[in-house]
Amino acid sequence: MGGRSARLARLVALGNRAGIETVASPDIRLEIWRKFLVLAPMAALSAMTRVPLARIHAHPETWRLAEEGMREVVAVAGAQGVALGEEDVQRTLAFVRGMPATWRASLAVDLEQGRRLEIAWLAGAVARLGQAAGIDTPFHRVALGVLTPHAAGNS
């Protein structure tokens, strides 16, 4: 289990033929945390600010929060035995800079539409894992505190 197989190679080939960038990762935990590196801070920042990405990037104070949130994820990942580093932060920041100026996280859309929020599994997970490891995660703690009153939606 977890190794390369003919079945995995076929799946990768099918994905790539369908136009979906697909790779077989030797370390799936690293790939999951890399995804979390963009998802947790940017979803929280988008929901808290309620503005499109261009406006987040236009204000250095706000953009700095994205970096701080990403560095918290890196620290927490390290405590989980996953080796993310500064190059991952820089690559993720570059990826986010290349996203559409009008981008808004689904968390922000869910908030505006009164739907349930995944905040406990995003910023909440970073905050909980950080606390358990003795790592301060002020960005994610604030995001959790700000968005938790909306977590159940308008139901």
N, C-alpha and C. Protein backbone atom coordinates (compact mmCIF):
# COMPACT_ATOMS: atom_id res chain seq x y z
N MET A 1 0.85 -1.18 0.00
CA MET A 1 0.00 0.00 0.00
C MET A 1 0.89 1.24 0.00
N GLY A 2 0.50 2.26 -0.75
CA GLY A 2 1.24 3.51 -0.78
C GLY A 2 2.35 3.54 -1.81
N GLY A 3 2.63 2.41 -2.48
CA GLY A 3 3.68 2.38 -3.47
C GLY A 3 3.14 2.63 -4.87
N ARG A 4 4.06 2.67 -5.80
CA ARG A 4 3.65 2.84 -7.20
C ARG A 4 3.15 1.50 -7.73
N SER A 5 2.16 1.58 -8.59
CA SER A 5 1.60 0.37 -9.17
C SER A 5 1.17 0.67 -10.60
N ALA A 6 0.88 -0.39 -11.34
CA ALA A 6 0.39 -0.21 -12.71
C ALA A 6 -0.94 0.52 -12.69
N ARG A 7 -1.77 0.22 -11.71
CA ARG A 7 -3.07 0.89 -11.60
C ARG A 7 -2.89 2.39 -11.37
N LEU A 8 -1.95 2.76 -10.51
CA LEU A 8 -1.68 4.18 -10.27
C LEU A 8 -1.15 4.85 -11.54
N ALA A 9 -0.27 4.18 -12.24
CA ALA A 9 0.28 4.73 -13.49
C ALA A 9 -0.84 4.97 -14.51
N ARG A 10 -1.79 4.05 -14.60
CA ARG A 10 -2.94 4.23 -15.51
C ARG A 10 -3.78 5.43 -15.08
N LEU A 11 -4.01 5.58 -13.79
CA LEU A 11 -4.79 6.70 -13.28
C LEU A 11 -4.12 8.04 -13.61
N VAL A 12 -2.81 8.12 -13.40
CA VAL A 12 -2.06 9.33 -13.72
C VAL A 12 -2.16 9.63 -15.22
N ALA A 13 -2.00 8.63 -16.05
CA ALA A 13 -2.08 8.82 -17.50
C ALA A 13 -3.47 9.29 -17.90
N LEU A 14 -4.51 8.69 -17.33
CA LEU A 14 -5.88 9.10 -17.64
C LEU A 14 -6.13 10.55 -17.26
N GLY A 15 -5.69 10.93 -16.07
CA GLY A 15 -5.86 12.32 -15.62
C GLY A 15 -5.17 13.29 -16.56
N ASN A 16 -3.95 13.00 -16.90
CA ASN A 16 -3.19 13.89 -17.79
C ASN A 16 -3.81 13.96 -19.18
N ARG A 17 -4.28 12.85 -19.71
CA ARG A 17 -4.95 12.86 -21.02
C ARG A 17 -6.24 13.69 -20.97
N ALA A 18 -6.88 13.71 -19.82
CA ALA A 18 -8.12 14.48 -19.67
C ALA A 18 -7.85 15.97 -19.43
N GLY A 19 -6.57 16.35 -19.37
CA GLY A 19 -6.22 17.75 -19.16
C GLY A 19 -6.13 18.14 -17.70
N ILE A 20 -6.09 17.15 -16.82
CA ILE A 20 -5.96 17.40 -15.38
C ILE A 20 -4.53 17.07 -15.00
N GLU A 21 -3.79 18.08 -14.55
CA GLU A 21 -2.40 17.82 -14.16
C GLU A 21 -2.40 16.80 -13.03
N THR A 22 -1.82 15.63 -13.30
CA THR A 22 -1.85 14.52 -12.37
C THR A 22 -0.44 13.98 -12.20
N VAL A 23 -0.03 13.81 -10.96
CA VAL A 23 1.27 13.22 -10.65
C VAL A 23 1.09 12.19 -9.55
N ALA A 24 1.98 11.23 -9.53
CA ALA A 24 2.02 10.25 -8.45
C ALA A 24 3.06 10.74 -7.45
N SER A 25 2.62 11.10 -6.29
CA SER A 25 3.53 11.66 -5.30
C SER A 25 4.14 10.57 -4.42
N PRO A 26 5.44 10.65 -4.18
CA PRO A 26 6.04 9.69 -3.26
C PRO A 26 5.71 10.01 -1.79
N ASP A 27 5.18 11.20 -1.52
CA ASP A 27 4.85 11.60 -0.15
C ASP A 27 3.52 12.35 -0.14
N ILE A 28 2.44 11.62 -0.03
CA ILE A 28 1.12 12.23 -0.12
C ILE A 28 0.87 13.21 1.02
N ARG A 29 1.43 12.96 2.19
CA ARG A 29 1.24 13.90 3.31
C ARG A 29 1.81 15.27 2.95
N LEU A 30 2.96 15.30 2.31
CA LEU A 30 3.56 16.55 1.89
C LEU A 30 2.64 17.28 0.91
N GLU A 31 2.08 16.56 -0.03
CA GLU A 31 1.18 17.18 -1.01
C GLU A 31 -0.09 17.71 -0.35
N ILE A 32 -0.63 16.98 0.61
CA ILE A 32 -1.82 17.44 1.33
C ILE A 32 -1.51 18.72 2.09
N TRP A 33 -0.37 18.77 2.77
CA TRP A 33 0.00 19.98 3.50
C TRP A 33 0.30 21.14 2.56
N ARG A 34 0.84 20.86 1.39
CA ARG A 34 1.05 21.95 0.41
C ARG A 34 -0.28 22.53 -0.03
N LYS A 35 -1.27 21.70 -0.20
CA LYS A 35 -2.61 22.18 -0.54
C LYS A 35 -3.18 23.00 0.63
N PHE A 36 -2.98 22.49 1.83
CA PHE A 36 -3.45 23.17 3.04
C PHE A 36 -2.75 24.52 3.22
N LEU A 37 -1.51 24.61 2.74
CA LEU A 37 -0.72 25.84 2.83
C LEU A 37 -1.40 26.99 2.11
N VAL A 38 -2.07 26.73 1.02
CA VAL A 38 -2.82 27.79 0.32
C VAL A 38 -4.24 27.87 0.84
N LEU A 39 -4.85 26.73 1.10
CA LEU A 39 -6.28 26.70 1.42
C LEU A 39 -6.61 27.34 2.77
N ALA A 40 -5.95 26.94 3.83
CA ALA A 40 -6.34 27.43 5.16
C ALA A 40 -6.19 28.94 5.30
N PRO A 41 -5.01 29.51 5.02
CA PRO A 41 -4.90 30.96 5.20
C PRO A 41 -5.70 31.79 4.20
N MET A 42 -5.72 31.36 2.94
CA MET A 42 -6.40 32.18 1.93
C MET A 42 -7.92 32.11 2.07
N ALA A 43 -8.45 30.96 2.44
CA ALA A 43 -9.89 30.87 2.67
C ALA A 43 -10.29 31.77 3.84
N ALA A 44 -9.52 31.71 4.91
CA ALA A 44 -9.82 32.53 6.08
C ALA A 44 -9.70 34.01 5.75
N LEU A 45 -8.64 34.39 5.06
CA LEU A 45 -8.43 35.80 4.73
C LEU A 45 -9.52 36.31 3.80
N SER A 46 -9.91 35.51 2.84
CA SER A 46 -10.97 35.90 1.92
C SER A 46 -12.29 36.08 2.67
N ALA A 47 -12.61 35.17 3.55
CA ALA A 47 -13.86 35.26 4.30
C ALA A 47 -13.85 36.44 5.27
N MET A 48 -12.71 36.66 5.93
CA MET A 48 -12.65 37.76 6.90
C MET A 48 -12.71 39.12 6.22
N THR A 49 -12.05 39.26 5.07
CA THR A 49 -12.03 40.57 4.41
C THR A 49 -13.24 40.79 3.52
N ARG A 50 -13.77 39.70 2.97
CA ARG A 50 -14.93 39.75 2.07
C ARG A 50 -14.68 40.61 0.83
N VAL A 51 -13.44 40.59 0.36
CA VAL A 51 -13.10 41.33 -0.86
C VAL A 51 -12.39 40.38 -1.82
N PRO A 52 -12.36 40.73 -3.12
CA PRO A 52 -11.63 39.91 -4.09
C PRO A 52 -10.13 39.97 -3.84
N LEU A 53 -9.44 38.99 -4.39
CA LEU A 53 -8.00 38.84 -4.19
C LEU A 53 -7.22 40.11 -4.54
N ALA A 54 -7.60 40.82 -5.58
CA ALA A 54 -6.86 42.03 -5.96
C ALA A 54 -6.80 43.03 -4.82
N ARG A 55 -7.87 43.15 -4.06
CA ARG A 55 -7.89 44.11 -2.95
C ARG A 55 -7.08 43.60 -1.77
N ILE A 56 -7.03 42.29 -1.58
CA ILE A 56 -6.17 41.73 -0.52
C ILE A 56 -4.72 42.02 -0.86
N HIS A 57 -4.36 41.78 -2.11
CA HIS A 57 -2.97 41.97 -2.54
C HIS A 57 -2.59 43.45 -2.58
N ALA A 58 -3.53 44.33 -2.81
CA ALA A 58 -3.24 45.77 -2.94
C ALA A 58 -2.85 46.43 -1.62
N HIS A 59 -3.16 45.80 -0.52
CA HIS A 59 -2.87 46.39 0.79
C HIS A 59 -1.78 45.58 1.48
N PRO A 60 -0.59 46.13 1.63
CA PRO A 60 0.53 45.37 2.22
C PRO A 60 0.20 44.77 3.58
N GLU A 61 -0.56 45.48 4.39
CA GLU A 61 -0.90 44.97 5.72
C GLU A 61 -1.74 43.70 5.60
N THR A 62 -2.63 43.69 4.63
CA THR A 62 -3.51 42.54 4.44
C THR A 62 -2.75 41.39 3.78
N TRP A 63 -1.96 41.70 2.78
CA TRP A 63 -1.17 40.67 2.09
C TRP A 63 -0.20 40.00 3.06
N ARG A 64 0.35 40.78 3.99
CA ARG A 64 1.26 40.23 4.99
C ARG A 64 0.56 39.15 5.83
N LEU A 65 -0.73 39.32 6.05
CA LEU A 65 -1.48 38.30 6.80
C LEU A 65 -1.48 36.97 6.08
N ALA A 66 -1.55 37.00 4.76
CA ALA A 66 -1.49 35.76 3.98
C ALA A 66 -0.16 35.05 4.24
N GLU A 67 0.92 35.81 4.20
CA GLU A 67 2.25 35.24 4.47
C GLU A 67 2.34 34.69 5.88
N GLU A 68 1.84 35.44 6.85
CA GLU A 68 1.90 34.99 8.24
C GLU A 68 1.10 33.70 8.42
N GLY A 69 -0.08 33.65 7.81
CA GLY A 69 -0.88 32.44 7.91
C GLY A 69 -0.19 31.24 7.28
N MET A 70 0.48 31.46 6.17
CA MET A 70 1.21 30.37 5.52
C MET A 70 2.38 29.91 6.37
N ARG A 71 3.07 30.82 6.99
CA ARG A 71 4.20 30.42 7.85
C ARG A 71 3.73 29.65 9.08
N GLU A 72 2.54 29.97 9.56
CA GLU A 72 1.98 29.19 10.66
C GLU A 72 1.71 27.76 10.20
N VAL A 73 1.18 27.60 9.00
CA VAL A 73 0.93 26.26 8.46
C VAL A 73 2.24 25.49 8.34
N VAL A 74 3.29 26.15 7.87
CA VAL A 74 4.60 25.50 7.75
C VAL A 74 5.08 25.01 9.12
N ALA A 75 4.94 25.85 10.13
CA ALA A 75 5.39 25.48 11.48
C ALA A 75 4.60 24.29 12.02
N VAL A 76 3.30 24.31 11.83
CA VAL A 76 2.45 23.22 12.32
C VAL A 76 2.74 21.93 11.53
N ALA A 77 2.92 22.05 10.23
CA ALA A 77 3.27 20.87 9.42
C ALA A 77 4.56 20.25 9.93
N GLY A 78 5.54 21.09 10.24
CA GLY A 78 6.81 20.59 10.76
C GLY A 78 6.61 19.80 12.05
N ALA A 79 5.73 20.28 12.90
CA ALA A 79 5.43 19.57 14.15
C ALA A 79 4.75 18.23 13.88
N GLN A 80 4.12 18.10 12.71
CA GLN A 80 3.47 16.86 12.31
C GLN A 80 4.43 15.95 11.53
N GLY A 81 5.69 16.38 11.41
CA GLY A 81 6.67 15.58 10.69
C GLY A 81 6.68 15.78 9.19
N VAL A 82 6.08 16.87 8.74
CA VAL A 82 6.02 17.16 7.31
C VAL A 82 6.94 18.35 7.03
N ALA A 83 7.89 18.16 6.14
CA ALA A 83 8.94 19.14 5.91
C ALA A 83 8.56 20.16 4.84
N LEU A 84 7.72 21.12 5.22
CA LEU A 84 7.49 22.28 4.37
C LEU A 84 8.52 23.33 4.77
N GLY A 85 8.81 24.26 3.86
CA GLY A 85 9.79 25.28 4.18
C GLY A 85 9.48 26.60 3.50
N GLU A 86 10.43 27.51 3.59
CA GLU A 86 10.27 28.84 3.02
C GLU A 86 10.04 28.78 1.51
N GLU A 87 10.68 27.84 0.83
CA GLU A 87 10.46 27.73 -0.61
C GLU A 87 9.00 27.37 -0.91
N ASP A 88 8.37 26.60 -0.05
CA ASP A 88 6.95 26.29 -0.24
C ASP A 88 6.10 27.54 -0.04
N VAL A 89 6.45 28.36 0.95
CA VAL A 89 5.73 29.61 1.17
C VAL A 89 5.86 30.50 -0.05
N GLN A 90 7.08 30.67 -0.55
CA GLN A 90 7.31 31.55 -1.70
C GLN A 90 6.61 31.03 -2.95
N ARG A 91 6.64 29.72 -3.17
CA ARG A 91 5.96 29.13 -4.32
C ARG A 91 4.44 29.33 -4.20
N THR A 92 3.91 29.19 -2.99
CA THR A 92 2.47 29.36 -2.78
C THR A 92 2.07 30.81 -2.94
N LEU A 93 2.87 31.73 -2.43
CA LEU A 93 2.57 33.16 -2.62
C LEU A 93 2.57 33.51 -4.10
N ALA A 94 3.53 32.98 -4.86
CA ALA A 94 3.58 33.23 -6.30
C ALA A 94 2.34 32.64 -6.98
N PHE A 95 1.93 31.45 -6.56
CA PHE A 95 0.73 30.84 -7.11
C PHE A 95 -0.49 31.73 -6.85
N VAL A 96 -0.62 32.22 -5.63
CA VAL A 96 -1.77 33.07 -5.28
C VAL A 96 -1.73 34.37 -6.07
N ARG A 97 -0.54 34.96 -6.23
CA ARG A 97 -0.42 36.19 -7.03
C ARG A 97 -0.91 35.98 -8.46
N GLY A 98 -0.77 34.76 -8.97
CA GLY A 98 -1.18 34.45 -10.33
C GLY A 98 -2.65 34.08 -10.47
N MET A 99 -3.36 33.99 -9.36
CA MET A 99 -4.78 33.66 -9.43
C MET A 99 -5.57 34.86 -9.94
N PRO A 100 -6.78 34.65 -10.45
CA PRO A 100 -7.57 35.76 -10.97
C PRO A 100 -7.81 36.85 -9.91
N ALA A 101 -7.75 38.09 -10.34
CA ALA A 101 -7.94 39.24 -9.43
C ALA A 101 -9.30 39.21 -8.75
N THR A 102 -10.26 38.56 -9.37
CA THR A 102 -11.62 38.52 -8.83
C THR A 102 -11.85 37.32 -7.90
N TRP A 103 -10.81 36.50 -7.71
CA TRP A 103 -10.96 35.29 -6.90
C TRP A 103 -11.44 35.60 -5.49
N ARG A 104 -12.34 34.76 -5.04
CA ARG A 104 -12.80 34.77 -3.65
C ARG A 104 -12.96 33.32 -3.24
N ALA A 105 -12.61 33.01 -2.01
CA ALA A 105 -12.71 31.63 -1.53
C ALA A 105 -14.15 31.20 -1.38
N SER A 106 -14.39 29.91 -1.56
CA SER A 106 -15.74 29.38 -1.35
C SER A 106 -16.19 29.63 0.08
N LEU A 107 -15.26 29.71 1.01
CA LEU A 107 -15.61 30.01 2.41
C LEU A 107 -16.26 31.40 2.50
N ALA A 108 -15.75 32.36 1.75
CA ALA A 108 -16.33 33.71 1.74
C ALA A 108 -17.72 33.69 1.11
N VAL A 109 -17.87 32.93 0.03
CA VAL A 109 -19.17 32.83 -0.63
C VAL A 109 -20.18 32.15 0.30
N ASP A 110 -19.74 31.07 0.96
CA ASP A 110 -20.62 30.39 1.90
C ASP A 110 -21.04 31.32 3.03
N LEU A 111 -20.13 32.11 3.53
CA LEU A 111 -20.44 33.07 4.59
C LEU A 111 -21.50 34.05 4.13
N GLU A 112 -21.31 34.62 2.96
CA GLU A 112 -22.27 35.61 2.44
C GLU A 112 -23.63 35.00 2.15
N GLN A 113 -23.66 33.73 1.80
CA GLN A 113 -24.92 33.08 1.46
C GLN A 113 -25.55 32.35 2.64
N GLY A 114 -24.96 32.53 3.83
CA GLY A 114 -25.54 31.95 5.03
C GLY A 114 -25.42 30.45 5.16
N ARG A 115 -24.47 29.86 4.42
CA ARG A 115 -24.27 28.41 4.51
C ARG A 115 -23.29 28.07 5.62
N ARG A 116 -23.25 26.81 5.97
CA ARG A 116 -22.31 26.33 6.99
C ARG A 116 -20.88 26.59 6.50
N LEU A 117 -19.99 26.85 7.44
CA LEU A 117 -18.59 27.13 7.11
C LEU A 117 -17.68 25.99 7.55
N GLU A 118 -16.64 25.76 6.78
CA GLU A 118 -15.65 24.74 7.10
C GLU A 118 -14.51 25.30 7.94
N ILE A 119 -14.77 26.32 8.69
CA ILE A 119 -13.70 26.99 9.43
C ILE A 119 -13.03 26.09 10.47
N ALA A 120 -13.79 25.20 11.10
CA ALA A 120 -13.21 24.31 12.11
C ALA A 120 -12.18 23.36 11.50
N TRP A 121 -12.35 23.02 10.21
CA TRP A 121 -11.44 22.08 9.55
C TRP A 121 -10.31 22.79 8.81
N LEU A 122 -10.36 24.09 8.75
CA LEU A 122 -9.31 24.86 8.08
C LEU A 122 -8.49 25.60 9.13
N ALA A 123 -8.83 26.84 9.40
CA ALA A 123 -8.10 27.61 10.42
C ALA A 123 -8.17 26.91 11.77
N GLY A 124 -9.30 26.30 12.06
CA GLY A 124 -9.44 25.59 13.34
C GLY A 124 -8.45 24.46 13.48
N ALA A 125 -8.22 23.73 12.40
CA ALA A 125 -7.26 22.63 12.45
C ALA A 125 -5.84 23.15 12.69
N VAL A 126 -5.48 24.23 12.03
CA VAL A 126 -4.15 24.81 12.24
C VAL A 126 -4.01 25.27 13.69
N ALA A 127 -5.03 25.94 14.20
CA ALA A 127 -4.98 26.44 15.58
C ALA A 127 -4.90 25.28 16.58
N ARG A 128 -5.71 24.25 16.40
CA ARG A 128 -5.71 23.11 17.32
C ARG A 128 -4.38 22.35 17.28
N LEU A 129 -3.91 22.04 16.08
CA LEU A 129 -2.65 21.31 15.97
C LEU A 129 -1.49 22.15 16.48
N GLY A 130 -1.55 23.45 16.22
CA GLY A 130 -0.51 24.33 16.74
C GLY A 130 -0.51 24.35 18.26
N GLN A 131 -1.67 24.49 18.85
CA GLN A 131 -1.75 24.52 20.31
C GLN A 131 -1.22 23.22 20.91
N ALA A 132 -1.59 22.09 20.32
CA ALA A 132 -1.12 20.79 20.82
C ALA A 132 0.40 20.66 20.75
N ALA A 133 1.00 21.33 19.76
CA ALA A 133 2.46 21.25 19.57
C ALA A 133 3.20 22.41 20.23
N GLY A 134 2.46 23.30 20.90
CA GLY A 134 3.11 24.46 21.53
C GLY A 134 3.53 25.53 20.54
N ILE A 135 2.84 25.60 19.40
CA ILE A 135 3.15 26.59 18.36
C ILE A 135 2.05 27.63 18.35
N ASP A 136 2.43 28.89 18.47
CA ASP A 136 1.45 29.96 18.43
C ASP A 136 1.00 30.18 16.99
N THR A 137 -0.29 30.29 16.80
CA THR A 137 -0.87 30.48 15.47
C THR A 137 -1.86 31.64 15.52
N PRO A 138 -1.36 32.86 15.74
CA PRO A 138 -2.28 33.98 15.93
C PRO A 138 -3.20 34.26 14.75
N PHE A 139 -2.71 34.13 13.53
CA PHE A 139 -3.58 34.39 12.38
C PHE A 139 -4.75 33.42 12.38
N HIS A 140 -4.46 32.13 12.52
CA HIS A 140 -5.51 31.12 12.46
C HIS A 140 -6.42 31.16 13.69
N ARG A 141 -5.88 31.51 14.86
CA ARG A 141 -6.73 31.67 16.04
C ARG A 141 -7.72 32.81 15.85
N VAL A 142 -7.25 33.93 15.30
CA VAL A 142 -8.14 35.06 15.05
C VAL A 142 -9.20 34.68 14.01
N ALA A 143 -8.77 34.04 12.93
CA ALA A 143 -9.73 33.63 11.90
C ALA A 143 -10.79 32.71 12.50
N LEU A 144 -10.37 31.78 13.32
CA LEU A 144 -11.31 30.87 13.96
C LEU A 144 -12.28 31.65 14.85
N GLY A 145 -11.74 32.58 15.63
CA GLY A 145 -12.59 33.38 16.51
C GLY A 145 -13.56 34.26 15.76
N VAL A 146 -13.12 34.86 14.67
CA VAL A 146 -13.96 35.76 13.88
C VAL A 146 -15.05 34.99 13.14
N LEU A 147 -14.73 33.83 12.61
CA LEU A 147 -15.67 33.13 11.73
C LEU A 147 -16.52 32.06 12.42
N THR A 148 -16.11 31.61 13.60
CA THR A 148 -16.89 30.58 14.30
C THR A 148 -18.34 30.99 14.57
N PRO A 149 -18.63 32.25 14.92
CA PRO A 149 -20.04 32.59 15.13
C PRO A 149 -20.91 32.39 13.89
N HIS A 150 -20.28 32.27 12.73
CA HIS A 150 -21.01 32.07 11.47
C HIS A 150 -20.96 30.62 11.00
N ALA A 151 -20.27 29.75 11.74
CA ALA A 151 -19.98 28.38 11.28
C ALA A 151 -21.23 27.56 11.01
N ALA A 152 -22.27 27.76 11.76
CA ALA A 152 -23.49 26.96 11.57
C ALA A 152 -24.37 27.51 10.45
N GLY A 153 -24.00 28.62 9.88
CA GLY A 153 -24.80 29.23 8.84
C GLY A 153 -26.04 29.89 9.43
N ASN A 154 -26.99 30.17 8.60
CA ASN A 154 -28.21 30.85 9.05
C ASN A 154 -29.33 29.87 9.35
N SER A 155 -28.98 28.63 9.67
CA SER A 155 -30.02 27.63 9.90
C SER A 155 -30.64 27.76 11.28
